[in-house]
Amino acid sequence: MNDILIAMRERALADAAFREALLLTRKAEDPLLALCDFAQTHGYALSLGDIISDGEEFCCNQMKSTNGGNPMPYDCFGFDDAYEMFFMSIL
């Protein structure tokens, strides 16, 4: 998870009303957009791109950190879904 989701997670774990409001965003027609709108309304600069790119960025960095490139790049592509991981961490 990125720093913004971590900060929101910490607040959700300490503030039950905030947590419940976050959980309600999952019932929206577009839950990802609802989460971003909720975050921005509460002072967190979270965008769709932030959430979507989290897993990809980690994997790409893992591949680049191997001398000469990862010899088995597709073993790395288990992108964690930052959106799902965030909600699992506050349930």
C-alpha atoms as a PDB file:
ATOM      1  CA  MET A   1       0.000   0.000   0.000  1.00  0.00           C
ATOM      2  CA  ASN A   2       1.122   3.538  -0.616  1.00  0.00           C
ATOM      3  CA  ASP A   3       1.634   6.138   2.116  1.00  0.00           C
ATOM      4  CA  ILE A   4      -1.831   7.642   1.687  1.00  0.00           C
ATOM      5  CA  LEU A   5      -3.598   4.298   2.093  1.00  0.00           C
ATOM      6  CA  ILE A   6      -1.428   3.532   5.115  1.00  0.00           C
ATOM      7  CA  ALA A   7      -2.400   6.864   6.711  1.00  0.00           C
ATOM      8  CA  MET A   8      -6.069   6.200   5.966  1.00  0.00           C
ATOM      9  CA  ARG A   9      -5.721   2.690   7.400  1.00  0.00           C
ATOM     10  CA  GLU A  10      -4.273   4.061  10.637  1.00  0.00           C
ATOM     11  CA  ARG A  11      -7.121   6.550  10.950  1.00  0.00           C
ATOM     12  CA  ALA A  12      -9.719   3.867  10.166  1.00  0.00           C
ATOM     13  CA  LEU A  13      -8.331   1.618  12.878  1.00  0.00           C
ATOM     14  CA  ALA A  14      -8.514   4.461  15.409  1.00  0.00           C
ATOM     15  CA  ASP A  15     -11.811   6.063  14.300  1.00  0.00           C
ATOM     16  CA  ALA A  16     -14.802   3.711  13.979  1.00  0.00           C
ATOM     17  CA  ALA A  17     -16.999   6.273  12.182  1.00  0.00           C
ATOM     18  CA  PHE A  18     -14.296   6.912   9.582  1.00  0.00           C
ATOM     19  CA  ARG A  19     -13.857   3.155   9.126  1.00  0.00           C
ATOM     20  CA  GLU A  20     -17.585   2.558   8.626  1.00  0.00           C
ATOM     21  CA  ALA A  21     -17.787   5.382   6.093  1.00  0.00           C
ATOM     22  CA  LEU A  22     -14.837   3.878   4.219  1.00  0.00           C
ATOM     23  CA  LEU A  23     -16.499   0.472   4.160  1.00  0.00           C
ATOM     24  CA  LEU A  24     -19.643   2.015   2.671  1.00  0.00           C
ATOM     25  CA  THR A  25     -17.677   3.164  -0.387  1.00  0.00           C
ATOM     26  CA  ARG A  26     -17.462  -0.497  -1.442  1.00  0.00           C
ATOM     27  CA  LYS A  27     -21.215  -0.468  -2.146  1.00  0.00           C
ATOM     28  CA  ALA A  28     -21.023   2.427  -4.623  1.00  0.00           C
ATOM     29  CA  GLU A  29     -21.584   1.920  -8.346  1.00  0.00           C
ATOM     30  CA  ASP A  30     -17.876   2.643  -8.869  1.00  0.00           C
ATOM     31  CA  PRO A  31     -16.220   1.651  -5.552  1.00  0.00           C
ATOM     32  CA  LEU A  32     -12.691   2.673  -6.566  1.00  0.00           C
ATOM     33  CA  LEU A  33     -13.799   6.158  -7.555  1.00  0.00           C
ATOM     34  CA  ALA A  34     -15.943   6.397  -4.414  1.00  0.00           C
ATOM     35  CA  LEU A  35     -12.904   5.575  -2.281  1.00  0.00           C
ATOM     36  CA  CYS A  36     -10.838   8.271  -4.009  1.00  0.00           C
ATOM     37  CA  ASP A  37     -13.633  10.848  -3.647  1.00  0.00           C
ATOM     38  CA  PHE A  38     -14.027   9.951   0.032  1.00  0.00           C
ATOM     39  CA  ALA A  39     -10.273  10.220   0.596  1.00  0.00           C
ATOM     40  CA  GLN A  40     -10.044  13.609  -1.113  1.00  0.00           C
ATOM     41  CA  THR A  41     -13.023  14.896   0.878  1.00  0.00           C
ATOM     42  CA  HIS A  42     -11.158  13.969   4.067  1.00  0.00           C
ATOM     43  CA  GLY A  43      -7.855  15.594   3.057  1.00  0.00           C
ATOM     44  CA  TYR A  44      -6.049  12.617   1.510  1.00  0.00           C
ATOM     45  CA  ALA A  45      -4.719  13.214  -2.024  1.00  0.00           C
ATOM     46  CA  LEU A  46      -5.567   9.768  -3.359  1.00  0.00           C
ATOM     47  CA  SER A  47      -6.140   9.171  -7.062  1.00  0.00           C
ATOM     48  CA  LEU A  48      -7.186   6.176  -9.126  1.00  0.00           C
ATOM     49  CA  GLY A  49      -3.669   6.034 -10.561  1.00  0.00           C
ATOM     50  CA  ASP A  50      -2.167   5.804  -7.069  1.00  0.00           C
ATOM     51  CA  ILE A  51      -4.156   2.684  -6.305  1.00  0.00           C
ATOM     52  CA  ILE A  52      -3.846   1.022  -9.697  1.00  0.00           C
ATOM     53  CA  SER A  53      -0.097   1.529 -10.045  1.00  0.00           C
ATOM     54  CA  ASP A  54       0.897   0.332  -6.547  1.00  0.00           C
ATOM     55  CA  GLY A  55       1.419  -3.351  -7.339  1.00  0.00           C
ATOM     56  CA  GLU A  56       2.860  -2.729 -10.766  1.00  0.00           C
ATOM     57  CA  GLU A  57       5.475  -0.288  -9.471  1.00  0.00           C
ATOM     58  CA  PHE A  58       6.641  -2.731  -6.805  1.00  0.00           C
ATOM     59  CA  CYS A  59       7.006  -5.563  -9.310  1.00  0.00           C
ATOM     60  CA  CYS A  60       8.817  -3.403 -11.852  1.00  0.00           C
ATOM     61  CA  ASN A  61      11.260  -2.245  -9.179  1.00  0.00           C
ATOM     62  CA  GLN A  62      11.894  -5.871  -8.192  1.00  0.00           C
ATOM     63  CA  MET A  63      12.717  -6.736 -11.794  1.00  0.00           C
ATOM     64  CA  LYS A  64      15.052  -3.751 -12.208  1.00  0.00           C
ATOM     65  CA  SER A  65      16.886  -4.466  -8.960  1.00  0.00           C
ATOM     66  CA  THR A  66      18.207  -7.805 -10.211  1.00  0.00           C
ATOM     67  CA  ASN A  67      21.608  -7.550 -11.883  1.00  0.00           C
ATOM     68  CA  GLY A  68      20.915  -7.918 -15.587  1.00  0.00           C
ATOM     69  CA  GLY A  69      17.168  -8.095 -15.073  1.00  0.00           C
ATOM     70  CA  ASN A  70      15.063 -10.753 -13.463  1.00  0.00           C
ATOM     71  CA  PRO A  71      15.722 -14.052 -15.279  1.00  0.00           C
ATOM     72  CA  MET A  72      12.130 -15.123 -14.581  1.00  0.00           C
ATOM     73  CA  PRO A  73      10.172 -11.852 -14.775  1.00  0.00           C
ATOM     74  CA  TYR A  74       6.735 -13.418 -14.818  1.00  0.00           C
ATOM     75  CA  ASP A  75       7.295 -15.049 -11.436  1.00  0.00           C
ATOM     76  CA  CYS A  76       7.249 -11.533 -10.014  1.00  0.00           C
ATOM     77  CA  PHE A  77       3.891 -10.540 -11.469  1.00  0.00           C
ATOM     78  CA  GLY A  78       1.667 -11.339  -8.551  1.00  0.00           C
ATOM     79  CA  PHE A  79       0.516  -7.724  -8.302  1.00  0.00           C
ATOM     80  CA  ASP A  80      -1.274  -7.281  -5.032  1.00  0.00           C
ATOM     81  CA  ASP A  81      -4.532  -5.443  -5.454  1.00  0.00           C
ATOM     82  CA  ALA A  82      -3.937  -2.360  -3.295  1.00  0.00           C
ATOM     83  CA  TYR A  83      -7.677  -1.677  -3.078  1.00  0.00           C
ATOM     84  CA  GLU A  84      -8.491  -5.151  -1.760  1.00  0.00           C
ATOM     85  CA  MET A  85      -5.420  -5.253   0.495  1.00  0.00           C
ATOM     86  CA  PHE A  86      -6.464  -1.919   2.020  1.00  0.00           C
ATOM     87  CA  PHE A  87      -9.944  -3.150   2.886  1.00  0.00           C
ATOM     88  CA  MET A  88      -8.664  -6.462   4.182  1.00  0.00           C
ATOM     89  CA  SER A  89      -6.396  -4.540   6.552  1.00  0.00           C
ATOM     90  CA  ILE A  90      -9.283  -2.585   8.129  1.00  0.00           C
ATOM     91  CA  LEU A  91     -11.844  -5.382   8.451  1.00  0.00           C
END
